Amino acid sequence: MPSLGIDIGGANLKVSDADGRFRLIYLPIWKEFDRLKHELKVVRDNFEPDIVGVVITAELSDAFPTKTEGILRIAKIVQDVFDRAFYLDINGELRDYNYVLRNPRMFMASNWVASAKFLLKDGWRDFIFADIGSTTTDLIPVTDRIKAGRTDYERLRRGELLYFGVLRTPVFYILPKFDVPLASEFFAIAGDAFVVTRDIKPEDYICETPDGRGKDVESCMRRLARAVCCDLEEVGEDYVREMAEAFKIAMIRKLMDGIKRVSERFGLGKVLGCGIGEFLIREATELAGLEYVSIAKEYGEVSSVFPSYAMAKLAER
């Protein structure tokens, strides 16, 4: 039966079928929640699935006064669009809509569970699942079972959720100082730095820019210059390129430190990496002296939306 996996995040809607056909849609729930039903209808008409597996992380968005309300409102929209939908709970079990209504807190921030459970079912053992997206990074310890905390709060405390990503993270959060302290102002984000370092293309920069202007290299440089309270003419392009490289190095080091902590706690020597920021995971893993396995090489380009692919495979099975 044609199955579809859907990962409804706070900033992105990710969908994939079991054959690896996928879509990544920028959908900032905090201001465009009303768009969700339309986008899901488009997905339904394009993929025509018989069965849908769903994971949700968008409940944390401040579009909702509580996370419980977020789960319930999002699940209601899914039910309105799809005839046969199931939801993955934080214990890795597929449940129907009535179960969600009775136990909404069991379905909060469950997308990483889909990835780890699918990899276990596909025969992988004793690894750290690392997924870096536009906003956050998951570092999930797995032996013969998933060992991670079950809530975002618990994972933050244990170092299994790092709140930075490849696009939306403010530059000053990762690089508080270059040759001077950076302004704690929303002048530039990670997407600007990685366009300048050529690690991503402007078309990969799918979120809004801080100033609402372009995503070409020069526009990204101008935003980075403002992070030190200058304009590009004042500091020059070479200075900004050095700042972007310093930002990249700082993010890799933060990621390396996180990987090492999880590795040492659970005695794991292998990292399975995916997401649009996989290039960072690879470098961080090598610096940490651990074995690296690219999910993109193992499963293809669907690596960039891996939780939705995992959900499609789990629903199919």
Protein backbone atom coordinates (compact mmCIF):
# COMPACT_ATOMS: atom_id res chain seq x y z
CA MET A 1 0.00 0.00 0.00
CA PRO A 2 1.33 3.51 -0.75
CA SER A 3 2.46 4.99 2.56
CA LEU A 4 3.44 8.54 3.42
CA GLY A 5 5.37 9.96 6.34
CA ILE A 6 4.72 13.49 7.58
CA ASP A 7 6.88 15.44 10.04
CA ILE A 8 5.06 18.59 11.14
CA GLY A 9 7.64 20.92 12.66
CA GLY A 10 7.46 24.45 13.94
CA ALA A 11 9.33 25.86 10.93
CA ASN A 12 9.16 23.13 8.27
CA LEU A 13 6.71 20.59 6.93
CA LYS A 14 8.59 17.48 5.76
CA VAL A 15 6.96 14.67 3.80
CA SER A 16 8.28 11.51 2.18
CA ASP A 17 6.92 8.30 0.77
CA ALA A 18 8.49 4.89 1.34
CA ASP A 19 10.31 5.10 -2.01
CA GLY A 20 12.17 8.25 -0.95
CA ARG A 21 10.19 10.86 -2.92
CA PHE A 22 10.06 13.84 -0.62
CA ARG A 23 9.20 17.49 -0.16
CA LEU A 24 10.53 20.07 2.29
CA ILE A 25 8.17 23.03 2.76
CA TYR A 26 9.01 26.10 4.82
CA LEU A 27 5.94 26.65 7.00
CA PRO A 28 6.46 28.86 10.07
CA ILE A 29 3.61 27.62 12.25
CA TRP A 30 3.88 30.59 14.65
CA LYS A 31 2.55 32.92 11.95
CA GLU A 32 1.11 30.70 9.19
CA PHE A 33 -0.70 27.93 11.05
CA ASP A 34 -3.79 28.55 8.89
CA ARG A 35 -1.74 27.38 5.87
CA LEU A 36 -1.22 23.89 7.26
CA LYS A 37 -4.46 22.36 6.03
CA HIS A 38 -3.92 23.68 2.50
CA GLU A 39 -0.37 22.34 2.34
CA LEU A 40 -1.47 18.93 3.62
CA LYS A 41 -4.18 18.79 0.97
CA VAL A 42 -1.59 19.53 -1.71
CA VAL A 43 0.60 16.76 -0.29
CA ARG A 44 -2.36 14.35 -0.25
CA ASP A 45 -3.22 15.09 -3.87
CA ASN A 46 0.39 14.76 -5.02
CA PHE A 47 1.23 11.52 -3.19
CA GLU A 48 -2.23 9.86 -2.94
CA PRO A 49 -1.31 7.69 0.07
CA ASP A 50 -3.38 4.83 1.45
CA ILE A 51 -1.87 5.22 4.90
CA VAL A 52 -0.11 8.12 6.63
CA GLY A 53 2.30 8.11 9.57
CA VAL A 54 2.64 11.40 11.44
CA VAL A 55 5.10 12.89 13.92
CA ILE A 56 4.70 16.35 15.41
CA THR A 57 7.11 18.90 16.92
CA ALA A 58 5.18 22.08 16.08
CA GLU A 59 3.24 21.96 19.36
CA LEU A 60 6.03 24.04 20.93
CA SER A 61 5.22 26.98 18.64
CA ASP A 62 3.82 30.03 20.39
CA ALA A 63 0.86 29.82 18.04
CA PHE A 64 -0.63 27.70 20.85
CA PRO A 65 -1.02 28.64 24.53
CA THR A 66 -0.10 25.08 25.56
CA LYS A 67 1.62 22.15 23.88
CA THR A 68 -1.45 19.99 24.51
CA GLU A 69 -3.59 22.39 22.50
CA GLY A 70 -0.98 22.35 19.74
CA ILE A 71 -1.06 18.55 19.44
CA LEU A 72 -4.85 18.45 19.42
CA ARG A 73 -5.30 21.20 16.84
CA ILE A 74 -2.64 19.82 14.52
CA ALA A 75 -3.95 16.25 14.76
CA LYS A 76 -7.49 17.47 14.03
CA ILE A 77 -6.28 19.05 10.79
CA VAL A 78 -4.49 15.84 9.81
CA GLN A 79 -7.71 13.90 10.42
CA ASP A 80 -9.67 16.35 8.29
CA VAL A 81 -7.30 15.81 5.35
CA PHE A 82 -6.38 12.11 5.45
CA ASP A 83 -8.68 9.10 5.70
CA ARG A 84 -6.20 6.81 7.43
CA ALA A 85 -3.61 8.47 9.65
CA PHE A 86 -1.58 7.10 12.56
CA TYR A 87 0.60 8.96 15.02
CA LEU A 88 3.89 7.90 16.61
CA ASP A 89 4.09 8.33 20.37
CA ILE A 90 7.28 8.93 22.35
CA ASN A 91 7.56 5.20 23.08
CA GLY A 92 7.66 4.39 19.37
CA GLU A 93 4.12 3.02 19.06
CA LEU A 94 1.76 3.89 16.21
CA ARG A 95 -1.59 5.07 17.57
CA ASP A 96 -4.89 6.19 16.12
CA TYR A 97 -6.53 9.57 16.51
CA ASN A 98 -8.72 8.54 19.45
CA TYR A 99 -5.62 7.59 21.41
CA VAL A 100 -4.12 11.03 20.64
CA LEU A 101 -7.26 12.69 22.01
CA ARG A 102 -6.91 10.75 25.28
CA ASN A 103 -3.13 11.11 25.63
CA PRO A 104 -1.91 14.21 23.74
CA ARG A 105 1.27 14.61 25.79
CA MET A 106 2.49 11.24 24.50
CA PHE A 107 2.91 12.74 21.01
CA MET A 108 5.01 15.82 21.73
CA ALA A 109 8.35 16.17 19.90
CA SER A 110 8.38 12.60 18.60
CA ASN A 111 10.08 12.94 15.20
CA TRP A 112 13.48 11.70 16.39
CA VAL A 113 11.78 8.57 17.76
CA ALA A 114 10.69 7.66 14.22
CA SER A 115 14.24 7.89 12.88
CA ALA A 116 15.81 5.88 15.69
CA LYS A 117 13.12 3.21 15.65
CA PHE A 118 13.36 2.77 11.88
CA LEU A 119 17.14 2.43 12.04
CA LEU A 120 16.79 -0.21 14.74
CA LYS A 121 14.29 -2.12 12.63
CA ASP A 122 16.65 -1.82 9.67
CA GLY A 123 19.37 -3.62 11.61
CA TRP A 124 21.55 -0.81 13.01
CA ARG A 125 22.82 -1.14 16.59
CA ASP A 126 25.04 0.80 19.00
CA PHE A 127 25.13 4.28 17.48
CA ILE A 128 24.37 7.93 18.03
CA PHE A 129 21.69 9.16 15.66
CA ALA A 130 22.59 12.77 14.78
CA ASP A 131 20.17 14.94 12.82
CA ILE A 132 20.84 18.64 12.26
CA GLY A 133 18.16 20.69 10.57
CA SER A 134 17.33 24.35 10.15
CA THR A 135 16.78 24.98 13.86
CA THR A 136 17.86 22.14 16.15
CA THR A 137 20.19 19.16 16.44
CA ASP A 138 19.28 15.74 17.84
CA LEU A 139 21.93 13.44 19.34
CA ILE A 140 20.09 10.22 20.16
CA PRO A 141 21.92 7.36 21.90
CA VAL A 142 20.83 3.92 20.66
CA THR A 143 22.13 0.50 21.74
CA ASP A 144 19.67 -2.33 21.12
CA ARG A 145 17.01 0.20 22.08
CA ILE A 146 16.58 3.96 22.27
CA LYS A 147 18.25 5.43 25.36
CA ALA A 148 17.33 9.13 24.97
CA GLY A 149 15.17 11.21 27.27
CA ARG A 150 11.50 11.32 26.32
CA THR A 151 10.82 15.07 26.43
CA ASP A 152 12.56 18.09 24.93
CA TYR A 153 13.27 19.40 28.43
CA GLU A 154 14.89 16.15 29.48
CA ARG A 155 16.91 15.93 26.27
CA LEU A 156 18.09 19.52 26.63
CA ARG A 157 19.26 18.73 30.16
CA ARG A 158 21.05 15.55 29.03
CA GLY A 159 22.69 17.15 25.97
CA GLU A 160 20.67 15.09 23.50
CA LEU A 161 18.94 18.16 22.06
CA LEU A 162 21.15 21.06 21.00
CA TYR A 163 19.16 24.14 20.13
CA PHE A 164 21.04 25.26 17.05
CA GLY A 165 20.79 24.47 13.36
CA VAL A 166 22.00 25.33 9.88
CA LEU A 167 19.61 28.17 9.01
CA ARG A 168 17.69 29.92 11.78
CA THR A 169 20.20 30.15 14.64
CA PRO A 170 21.35 33.72 15.46
CA VAL A 171 25.05 34.13 14.73
CA PHE A 172 25.82 35.63 18.15
CA TYR A 173 24.53 32.50 19.90
CA ILE A 174 27.26 30.32 18.37
CA LEU A 175 29.96 32.99 17.97
CA PRO A 176 29.59 35.45 20.85
CA LYS A 177 32.95 37.04 20.02
CA PHE A 178 35.07 37.43 16.90
CA ASP A 179 37.66 40.18 17.30
CA VAL A 180 34.98 42.09 19.23
CA PRO A 181 31.84 40.86 21.02
CA LEU A 182 28.99 40.35 18.57
CA ALA A 183 25.83 42.38 19.03
CA SER A 184 23.05 40.35 20.66
CA GLU A 185 20.70 41.57 17.96
CA PHE A 186 18.87 39.68 15.22
CA PHE A 187 21.19 40.93 12.49
CA ALA A 188 22.41 37.64 10.97
CA ILE A 189 21.67 33.93 11.21
CA ALA A 190 23.41 30.66 10.42
CA GLY A 191 22.03 30.61 6.88
CA ASP A 192 23.99 33.81 6.16
CA ALA A 193 27.25 32.29 7.39
CA PHE A 194 26.86 29.03 5.48
CA VAL A 195 25.99 30.78 2.22
CA VAL A 196 29.19 32.79 2.61
CA THR A 197 31.24 29.65 3.38
CA ARG A 198 29.58 27.99 0.33
CA ASP A 199 28.35 25.06 2.42
CA ILE A 200 24.78 25.76 1.34
CA LYS A 201 23.36 27.44 -1.74
CA PRO A 202 21.04 30.46 -1.60
CA GLU A 203 18.16 28.22 -2.70
CA ASP A 204 18.77 26.03 0.39
CA TYR A 205 18.22 29.10 2.60
CA ILE A 206 14.47 28.52 2.78
CA CYS A 207 13.57 30.60 5.85
CA GLU A 208 13.21 34.37 5.96
CA THR A 209 16.29 36.52 6.25
CA PRO A 210 16.62 38.78 9.33
CA ASP A 211 16.30 41.97 7.26
CA GLY A 212 13.84 40.63 4.67
CA ARG A 213 16.37 41.13 1.87
CA GLY A 214 18.14 38.73 -0.49
CA LYS A 215 19.91 35.42 0.06
CA ASP A 216 22.80 35.98 -2.37
CA VAL A 217 26.35 36.05 -1.01
CA GLU A 218 26.60 39.84 -0.87
CA SER A 219 23.31 40.21 1.03
CA CYS A 220 24.46 37.56 3.52
CA MET A 221 27.77 39.38 3.95
CA ARG A 222 25.99 42.64 4.68
CA ARG A 223 23.97 41.02 7.45
CA LEU A 224 27.07 39.42 8.96
CA ALA A 225 28.87 42.78 8.98
CA ARG A 226 26.03 44.24 11.03
CA ALA A 227 26.65 41.60 13.70
CA VAL A 228 29.74 43.63 14.66
CA CYS A 229 27.84 46.93 14.25
CA CYS A 230 29.45 47.69 10.87
CA ASP A 231 28.49 47.71 7.22
CA LEU A 232 30.25 45.70 4.54
CA GLU A 233 32.14 48.69 3.17
CA GLU A 234 33.52 49.39 6.63
CA VAL A 235 34.98 45.94 7.41
CA GLY A 236 35.42 44.47 3.91
CA GLU A 237 34.58 41.10 2.39
CA ASP A 238 37.70 39.28 3.67
CA TYR A 239 36.79 40.14 7.26
CA VAL A 240 33.26 38.83 6.81
CA ARG A 241 34.48 35.61 5.18
CA GLU A 242 36.78 35.04 8.16
CA MET A 243 33.84 35.65 10.50
CA ALA A 244 31.70 33.13 8.62
CA GLU A 245 34.47 30.52 8.81
CA ALA A 246 34.90 31.22 12.54
CA PHE A 247 31.16 30.71 12.99
CA LYS A 248 31.35 27.36 11.19
CA ILE A 249 34.29 26.22 13.31
CA ALA A 250 32.50 27.26 16.52
CA MET A 251 29.39 25.29 15.54
CA ILE A 252 31.45 22.20 14.69
CA ARG A 253 33.18 22.42 18.07
CA LYS A 254 29.87 22.72 19.92
CA LEU A 255 28.59 19.74 17.99
CA MET A 256 31.78 17.77 18.63
CA ASP A 257 31.52 18.46 22.38
CA GLY A 258 27.91 17.25 22.35
CA ILE A 259 28.74 14.09 20.43
CA LYS A 260 31.65 13.29 22.76
CA ARG A 261 29.47 13.69 25.86
CA VAL A 262 26.81 11.32 24.52
CA SER A 263 29.46 8.90 23.28
CA GLU A 264 31.23 8.76 26.64
CA ARG A 265 28.03 8.43 28.64
CA PHE A 266 26.76 5.44 26.66
CA GLY A 267 29.99 3.94 25.34
CA LEU A 268 29.05 4.49 21.69
CA GLY A 269 31.71 4.83 18.98
CA LYS A 270 29.64 5.30 15.85
CA VAL A 271 27.54 8.23 14.59
CA LEU A 272 24.81 7.96 11.95
CA GLY A 273 24.33 11.48 10.59
CA CYS A 274 21.64 13.12 8.52
CA GLY A 275 19.84 16.41 7.88
CA ILE A 276 20.61 19.49 5.85
CA GLY A 277 23.61 20.09 8.11
CA GLU A 278 25.17 16.67 7.69
CA PHE A 279 28.43 18.29 6.55
CA LEU A 280 28.84 19.62 10.10
CA ILE A 281 28.13 16.25 11.73
CA ARG A 282 30.76 14.56 9.58
CA GLU A 283 33.47 17.04 10.58
CA ALA A 284 32.47 17.01 14.25
CA THR A 285 32.48 13.21 14.36
CA GLU A 286 35.93 13.03 12.78
CA LEU A 287 37.27 15.57 15.29
CA ALA A 288 35.77 13.47 18.09
CA GLY A 289 37.64 10.42 16.76
CA LEU A 290 34.48 8.37 16.15
CA GLU A 291 33.26 6.31 13.20
CA TYR A 292 30.94 8.18 10.85
CA VAL A 293 28.14 6.71 8.70
CA SER A 294 26.36 9.01 6.26
CA ILE A 295 22.63 8.36 6.12
CA ALA A 296 22.60 10.21 2.80
CA LYS A 297 24.96 7.56 1.38
CA GLU A 298 22.95 4.73 2.89
CA TYR A 299 19.43 5.98 2.07
CA GLY A 300 19.82 8.81 -0.45
CA GLU A 301 18.82 12.47 -0.54
CA VAL A 302 15.78 11.74 1.62
CA SER A 303 18.31 12.06 4.46
CA SER A 304 17.41 15.76 4.57
CA VAL A 305 13.88 14.87 5.77
CA PHE A 306 14.73 11.56 7.41
CA PRO A 307 12.04 11.46 10.15
CA SER A 308 9.30 11.64 7.51
CA TYR A 309 10.93 8.85 5.48
CA ALA A 310 11.25 6.77 8.64
CA MET A 311 7.56 7.32 9.35
CA ALA A 312 6.62 6.24 5.82
CA LYS A 313 8.59 3.01 6.25
CA LEU A 314 7.12 2.34 9.72
CA ALA A 315 3.60 2.94 8.45
CA GLU A 316 4.25 0.69 5.45
CA ARG A 317 5.39 -2.15 7.68
